Protein backbone atom coordinates (compact mmCIF):
# COMPACT_ATOMS: atom_id res chain seq x y z
CA MET A 1 0.00 0.00 0.00
CA GLU A 2 1.41 3.39 -1.04
CA HIS A 3 1.50 6.21 1.48
CA PRO A 4 0.71 9.85 0.56
CA PRO A 5 3.76 12.10 0.31
CA ALA A 6 4.80 14.02 3.39
CA ASP A 7 4.08 17.76 3.52
CA SER A 8 7.64 18.59 2.51
CA GLN A 9 7.34 16.31 -0.51
CA VAL A 10 4.05 18.03 -1.55
CA VAL A 11 5.75 21.42 -1.41
CA ARG A 12 8.60 20.17 -3.60
CA LEU A 13 6.14 18.68 -6.08
CA ARG A 14 4.17 21.92 -6.31
CA ALA A 15 7.38 23.92 -6.78
CA ALA A 16 8.34 21.64 -9.65
CA VAL A 17 4.95 21.75 -11.42
CA LEU A 18 3.53 25.24 -10.91
CA PRO A 19 6.30 27.28 -12.59
CA GLN A 20 5.96 25.19 -15.73
CA ALA A 21 2.17 25.69 -15.74
CA THR A 22 2.46 29.46 -15.44
CA MET A 23 5.52 30.21 -17.56
CA VAL A 24 3.58 30.83 -20.79
CA PRO A 25 0.13 32.29 -20.00
CA MET A 26 -2.41 32.16 -22.81
CA THR A 27 -3.37 35.58 -24.15
CA ILE A 28 -5.86 36.64 -26.79
CA PRO A 29 -6.57 40.09 -28.24
CA VAL A 30 -9.44 42.04 -26.73
CA THR A 31 -11.42 41.54 -29.95
CA GLY A 32 -11.11 37.76 -29.62
CA GLU A 33 -10.53 35.37 -32.48
CA GLN A 34 -9.74 36.89 -35.88
CA TYR A 35 -11.39 35.40 -38.97
CA ALA A 36 -9.54 36.25 -42.19
CA ILE A 37 -11.35 35.81 -45.52
CA THR A 38 -9.96 36.46 -49.00
CA ALA A 39 -10.95 36.34 -52.66
CA GLY A 40 -9.09 37.87 -55.58
CA ASP A 41 -7.81 41.32 -54.59
CA TYR A 42 -10.07 41.57 -51.52
CA ALA A 43 -9.23 40.58 -47.94
CA ALA A 44 -11.23 41.13 -44.77
CA THR A 45 -10.90 40.35 -41.08
CA ILE A 46 -13.95 39.71 -38.87
CA THR A 47 -13.75 39.63 -35.09
CA GLN A 48 -15.25 37.31 -32.51
CA LEU A 49 -16.14 40.41 -30.51
CA GLY A 50 -19.40 41.72 -31.88
CA ALA A 51 -19.00 40.00 -35.28
CA GLY A 52 -17.35 43.24 -36.38
CA LEU A 53 -15.53 44.16 -39.58
CA ARG A 54 -12.01 45.04 -38.40
CA GLU A 55 -10.29 45.27 -41.78
CA LEU A 56 -11.15 45.37 -45.46
CA THR A 57 -8.45 45.83 -48.09
CA PHE A 58 -8.33 45.91 -51.88
CA ARG A 59 -4.96 45.18 -53.50
CA GLY A 60 -3.40 45.69 -50.09
CA GLU A 61 -4.87 49.16 -49.55
CA PRO A 62 -7.50 49.84 -46.85
CA ALA A 63 -11.09 50.32 -48.02
CA VAL A 64 -12.30 50.88 -44.46
CA ALA A 65 -10.51 52.50 -41.54
CA GLY A 66 -9.30 49.51 -39.54
CA TYR A 67 -7.71 49.13 -36.14
CA PRO A 68 -5.38 46.69 -34.30
CA ALA A 69 -6.80 43.44 -32.96
CA ALA A 70 -5.59 44.38 -29.49
CA GLU A 71 -7.72 47.56 -29.38
CA LEU A 72 -11.43 48.12 -29.04
CA PRO A 73 -13.15 49.49 -32.16
CA PRO A 74 -12.59 53.27 -32.15
CA GLY A 75 -15.76 55.24 -32.80
CA ALA A 76 -17.70 51.97 -33.30
CA ALA A 77 -15.55 51.21 -36.37
CA GLY A 78 -16.96 48.26 -38.32
CA GLN A 79 -19.38 47.27 -35.59
CA LEU A 80 -22.67 45.46 -36.17
CA LEU A 81 -25.55 47.32 -34.47
CA ILE A 82 -28.36 45.11 -33.11
CA PRO A 83 -31.19 45.30 -32.03
CA TRP A 84 -31.17 49.02 -32.80
CA PRO A 85 -28.75 51.33 -34.63
CA ASN A 86 -27.88 54.81 -33.45
CA ARG A 87 -29.49 56.27 -30.31
CA VAL A 88 -32.48 55.84 -28.01
CA ASP A 89 -33.36 59.05 -26.17
CA GLY A 90 -32.66 58.53 -22.47
CA GLY A 91 -32.77 54.77 -23.14
CA ARG A 92 -36.53 54.79 -22.44
CA TYR A 93 -39.20 53.31 -24.71
CA GLU A 94 -42.55 51.54 -24.65
CA VAL A 95 -43.75 48.38 -26.40
CA GLY A 96 -47.16 46.79 -25.98
CA GLY A 97 -48.08 49.09 -23.12
CA HIS A 98 -44.93 48.24 -21.14
CA SER A 99 -42.12 50.69 -20.40
CA TYR A 100 -38.47 49.69 -20.56
CA GLN A 101 -35.18 51.33 -19.56
CA LEU A 102 -31.95 50.53 -21.41
CA ASP A 103 -28.48 51.09 -20.01
CA LEU A 104 -27.12 54.52 -20.93
CA ASN A 105 -23.90 53.55 -22.67
CA GLU A 106 -23.49 57.07 -24.07
CA PRO A 107 -23.52 58.73 -20.63
CA ALA A 108 -22.31 62.16 -21.80
CA ARG A 109 -25.51 62.47 -23.84
CA SER A 110 -27.74 60.29 -21.65
CA ASN A 111 -28.51 57.92 -24.51
CA ALA A 112 -28.49 54.21 -25.21
CA ILE A 113 -26.49 53.76 -28.41
CA HIS A 114 -25.85 51.11 -31.07
CA GLY A 115 -27.66 48.13 -29.58
CA LEU A 116 -26.57 45.26 -27.36
CA THR A 117 -24.55 42.76 -29.39
CA ARG A 118 -21.41 44.69 -30.38
CA TRP A 119 -19.60 43.82 -27.13
CA MET A 120 -20.68 40.17 -27.07
CA SER A 121 -18.74 37.06 -28.04
CA TRP A 122 -20.14 35.48 -31.23
CA ASN A 123 -19.76 31.86 -32.27
CA VAL A 124 -18.53 30.57 -35.63
CA LEU A 125 -21.26 28.65 -37.44
CA GLN A 126 -19.57 28.16 -40.83
CA ARG A 127 -16.18 29.03 -42.22
CA ALA A 128 -14.54 28.86 -45.64
CA PRO A 129 -11.61 30.70 -47.28
CA SER A 130 -13.85 33.47 -48.65
CA GLU A 131 -16.62 33.63 -46.04
CA VAL A 132 -17.48 33.23 -42.40
CA THR A 133 -20.82 33.07 -40.60
CA LEU A 134 -21.10 33.95 -36.93
CA GLY A 135 -24.11 33.46 -34.68
CA LEU A 136 -25.44 34.71 -31.37
CA TRP A 137 -28.42 34.14 -29.10
CA LEU A 138 -29.48 37.49 -27.68
CA LEU A 139 -31.36 36.44 -24.58
CA GLY A 140 -33.64 38.66 -22.52
CA ARG A 141 -32.33 41.24 -20.09
CA PRO A 142 -33.63 44.28 -18.20
CA GLY A 143 -34.46 46.89 -20.81
CA TYR A 144 -34.83 44.33 -23.61
CA PRO A 145 -36.75 41.25 -22.37
CA PHE A 146 -36.86 39.57 -25.79
CA CYS A 147 -35.01 36.65 -27.37
CA LEU A 148 -33.40 36.83 -30.80
CA GLU A 149 -31.37 34.28 -32.76
CA ILE A 150 -28.93 36.24 -34.95
CA GLU A 151 -26.58 35.29 -37.77
CA ALA A 152 -24.07 37.49 -39.60
CA ARG A 153 -22.43 36.19 -42.78
CA TYR A 154 -19.43 38.00 -44.25
CA ARG A 155 -18.26 37.03 -47.73
CA VAL A 156 -15.75 38.46 -50.19
CA GLY A 157 -15.91 37.87 -53.93
CA ALA A 158 -13.16 38.51 -56.44
CA SER A 159 -15.45 40.59 -58.64
CA ASP A 160 -18.03 42.01 -56.23
CA GLY A 161 -16.15 42.75 -53.02
CA LEU A 162 -17.62 42.43 -49.56
CA GLN A 163 -21.17 41.24 -48.96
CA VAL A 164 -22.74 41.16 -45.51
CA ARG A 165 -25.98 39.35 -44.68
CA VAL A 166 -27.64 39.85 -41.27
CA THR A 167 -30.54 37.64 -40.18
CA ALA A 168 -32.55 37.87 -36.96
CA ARG A 169 -35.34 35.58 -35.81
CA ASN A 170 -37.62 36.13 -32.83
CA ARG A 171 -37.36 33.02 -30.63
CA GLY A 172 -39.28 34.52 -27.74
CA PRO A 173 -42.99 34.38 -26.87
CA GLN A 174 -43.81 38.05 -27.58
CA ARG A 175 -43.37 40.65 -30.30
CA ALA A 176 -39.87 42.09 -30.30
CA PRO A 177 -38.78 45.55 -31.51
CA TYR A 178 -35.87 45.27 -33.91
CA GLY A 179 -33.58 47.30 -36.10
CA THR A 180 -30.08 46.81 -37.42
CA GLY A 181 -27.23 48.83 -38.83
CA SER A 182 -23.50 48.61 -39.52
CA HIS A 183 -20.74 51.14 -38.94
CA PRO A 184 -17.95 50.94 -41.57
CA TYR A 185 -15.69 53.95 -42.10
CA LEU A 186 -14.95 54.23 -45.82
CA THR A 187 -11.49 55.46 -46.77
CA VAL A 188 -9.60 56.21 -49.98
CA GLY A 189 -6.32 56.87 -48.21
CA GLU A 190 -6.57 60.65 -47.97
CA PRO A 191 -8.32 63.22 -45.72
CA VAL A 192 -12.00 63.52 -46.47
CA ASP A 193 -12.00 67.29 -47.08
CA GLY A 194 -10.63 66.80 -50.60
CA CYS A 195 -12.80 63.77 -51.37
CA GLU A 196 -16.12 63.71 -53.16
CA LEU A 197 -19.18 62.10 -51.59
CA ALA A 198 -22.31 60.78 -53.26
CA LEU A 199 -25.40 60.01 -51.16
CA PRO A 200 -28.56 58.98 -53.08
CA CYS A 201 -30.85 60.60 -50.51
CA SER A 202 -33.52 63.28 -50.92
CA LEU A 203 -34.18 63.85 -47.19
CA TRP A 204 -32.02 64.49 -44.14
CA GLN A 205 -32.92 64.31 -40.45
CA PRO A 206 -32.11 67.34 -38.25
CA ALA A 207 -30.93 66.38 -34.75
CA ASN A 208 -30.28 68.13 -31.46
CA ASP A 209 -26.93 68.28 -29.68
CA ARG A 210 -27.57 64.82 -28.21
CA GLY A 211 -28.02 63.20 -31.62
CA ILE A 212 -31.79 62.82 -31.20
CA PRO A 213 -34.09 63.77 -34.12
CA ALA A 214 -35.40 67.33 -33.90
CA GLY A 215 -38.49 67.68 -36.08
CA PRO A 216 -39.39 65.95 -39.35
CA ALA A 217 -36.92 65.03 -42.08
CA ARG A 218 -36.20 67.87 -44.51
CA ALA A 219 -35.57 67.96 -48.24
CA VAL A 220 -31.89 68.32 -49.13
CA ASP A 221 -32.86 70.55 -52.13
CA GLY A 222 -29.48 71.88 -53.13
CA GLY A 223 -28.37 72.78 -49.62
CA GLU A 224 -25.35 71.75 -47.57
CA MET A 225 -26.79 68.25 -47.11
CA ASP A 226 -27.40 67.63 -50.79
CA PHE A 227 -24.96 64.99 -52.05
CA ARG A 228 -27.24 63.43 -54.65
CA GLN A 229 -24.63 64.40 -57.21
CA ALA A 230 -21.08 63.64 -56.10
CA ARG A 231 -19.40 66.76 -54.78
CA GLN A 232 -16.45 67.68 -52.60
CA ILE A 233 -16.99 67.37 -48.86
CA GLY A 234 -14.81 70.35 -48.05
CA ALA A 235 -15.36 71.64 -44.51
CA THR A 236 -18.87 70.13 -44.18
CA GLU A 237 -19.30 68.31 -40.89
CA LEU A 238 -21.65 65.35 -41.11
CA ASP A 239 -23.23 63.29 -38.35
CA HIS A 240 -26.70 63.03 -39.84
CA ALA A 241 -29.24 60.44 -40.90
CA PHE A 242 -30.48 60.50 -44.50
CA THR A 243 -33.49 58.83 -46.11
CA GLY A 244 -35.59 59.07 -49.28
CA LEU A 245 -33.15 56.66 -50.90
CA THR A 246 -32.90 56.21 -54.67
CA ARG A 247 -32.57 52.56 -55.61
CA GLY A 248 -31.23 50.82 -58.68
CA PRO A 249 -31.19 47.25 -59.98
CA GLY A 250 -31.89 44.64 -57.34
CA GLY A 251 -33.29 47.27 -55.00
CA ARG A 252 -29.82 48.47 -54.04
CA THR A 253 -28.94 52.03 -53.10
CA TRP A 254 -25.32 53.14 -53.58
CA ALA A 255 -23.22 55.66 -51.63
CA ARG A 256 -19.71 56.50 -52.86
CA LEU A 257 -16.56 58.08 -51.50
CA LEU A 258 -14.27 59.25 -54.31
CA GLY A 259 -10.60 60.12 -53.93
CA GLN A 260 -7.93 61.07 -56.42
CA ARG A 261 -7.02 57.47 -57.28
CA SER A 262 -9.90 55.26 -56.18
CA GLN A 263 -13.50 55.13 -55.06
CA VAL A 264 -15.14 53.02 -52.38
CA SER A 265 -18.81 52.26 -52.89
CA LEU A 266 -21.25 51.00 -50.27
CA TRP A 267 -24.53 49.44 -51.32
CA ALA A 268 -27.52 48.74 -49.09
CA GLY A 269 -30.27 46.34 -50.06
CA GLU A 270 -34.00 46.59 -49.57
CA GLY A 271 -35.04 47.07 -45.97
CA TYR A 272 -32.26 49.54 -45.25
CA GLN A 273 -34.29 52.76 -45.25
CA TRP A 274 -31.63 55.10 -43.87
CA LEU A 275 -27.95 55.99 -44.22
CA GLN A 276 -26.05 57.76 -41.47
CA ALA A 277 -23.07 59.80 -42.70
CA PHE A 278 -20.36 60.78 -40.20
CA THR A 279 -17.15 62.63 -41.06
CA ALA A 280 -15.46 61.52 -37.80
CA ASP A 281 -15.03 65.04 -36.43
CA THR A 282 -15.26 63.88 -32.81
CA LEU A 283 -12.66 61.08 -33.03
CA SER A 284 -9.02 61.32 -31.97
CA GLN A 285 -6.74 63.61 -33.92
CA SER A 286 -5.16 60.73 -35.83
CA ARG A 287 -8.58 59.55 -37.04
CA ARG A 288 -10.42 62.84 -37.32
CA ARG A 289 -11.76 63.40 -40.87
CA GLN A 290 -9.61 60.60 -42.30
CA ALA A 291 -12.62 58.48 -43.28
CA VAL A 292 -16.39 58.79 -43.63
CA ALA A 293 -18.69 56.40 -41.84
CA ILE A 294 -21.56 55.41 -44.12
CA GLU A 295 -23.92 53.42 -41.94
CA PRO A 296 -26.78 51.47 -43.53
CA MET A 297 -29.67 51.45 -41.03
CA THR A 298 -33.12 49.89 -41.17
CA CYS A 299 -34.52 52.68 -38.98
CA PRO A 300 -33.49 56.18 -37.91
CA PRO A 301 -32.15 57.39 -34.57
CA ASN A 302 -34.64 57.01 -31.70
CA ALA A 303 -36.83 54.56 -33.62
CA PHE A 304 -37.58 52.60 -30.41
CA VAL A 305 -39.37 55.75 -29.23
CA SER A 306 -40.82 57.16 -32.47
CA GLY A 307 -41.61 53.83 -34.12
CA THR A 308 -40.37 55.20 -37.46
CA ASP A 309 -39.47 52.25 -39.71
CA LEU A 310 -39.16 50.06 -36.60
CA ILE A 311 -39.55 46.33 -37.27
CA MET A 312 -41.80 44.41 -34.90
CA LEU A 313 -40.90 40.73 -35.12
CA GLU A 314 -43.70 38.34 -34.27
CA PRO A 315 -42.75 35.13 -32.43
CA GLY A 316 -41.07 32.79 -34.90
CA ASP A 317 -40.66 35.45 -37.60
CA GLY A 318 -37.31 36.39 -39.08
CA VAL A 319 -35.88 39.10 -41.29
CA THR A 320 -32.72 39.36 -43.41
CA HIS A 321 -30.84 42.44 -44.62
CA GLU A 322 -27.83 42.71 -46.92
CA TRP A 323 -25.22 45.35 -47.69
CA GLY A 324 -21.73 45.43 -49.15
CA ILE A 325 -18.66 47.36 -50.29
CA GLU A 326 -16.88 47.46 -53.63
CA VAL A 327 -13.66 49.25 -54.61
CA SER A 328 -12.59 50.51 -58.02
CA ASN A 329 -9.83 52.66 -59.48
CA ARG A 330 -10.58 56.06 -60.99
CA GLY A 331 -9.58 57.03 -64.48
């Protein structure tokens, strides 16, 4: 019969084992696993954190303003916004006669902003060299007592660039308010002041100093917010929602950022009723006005309160939205 080691032997054993177990600690970047996809001249990186778009390049040049894997997305760069894009005034809203209070994650303005899923860990459902699909169960919580099953598929094609498909299905027992958006910063490798911008939108939404809509949408009609024909951005500061979208084949609407050598084009499919344009004036000096966020949104700011273009998902119902980015040379 073997006897257990004496106390002094246990100490020696621990001293021999523990240093080896702790010599090389496992570390991962704050954005989690990185999923690289490529096709032709396009390459993209998607993050486990929030199923976000961290990088998109064309022929080795950035098409969106990226960031290091070890940093959180600056200014919501590339983030997927679910179950609402943009802001909810004071985080308070009503559905079905019940009042709810969301966490105020934009405390300086007393708003709830950009949904709930962008800081969550998503799971890989499918993966191939040119595409990856991530999934998440958004379970109920104070402020949003609903249950959604969500999938986000990112794909790159050699001829048609990045395509993103977002699907949400209500798995709960009651109607759920829902909206989605995405937050890519388009870049052509030069400051935005000298770039041209094209937004196929006939209406823009005035907002107060907290980013909440102030009155009805107005016609752009040749004013400072009229980018229906591509024109230079100049000193114009944008952080506005636009609607009245003009659509082309396949129901797509196209926004374009044009530089001296290239243009980056974002398309939004049917169901995206709004585009938010943001010239990054409030970001750090190194990122200020270096890119333009063009954010496809299914509903405008404060839709949980106003109900404007808000989707109400019945139990068991689902909805899918698609958008993408293409790059081309000029001249």
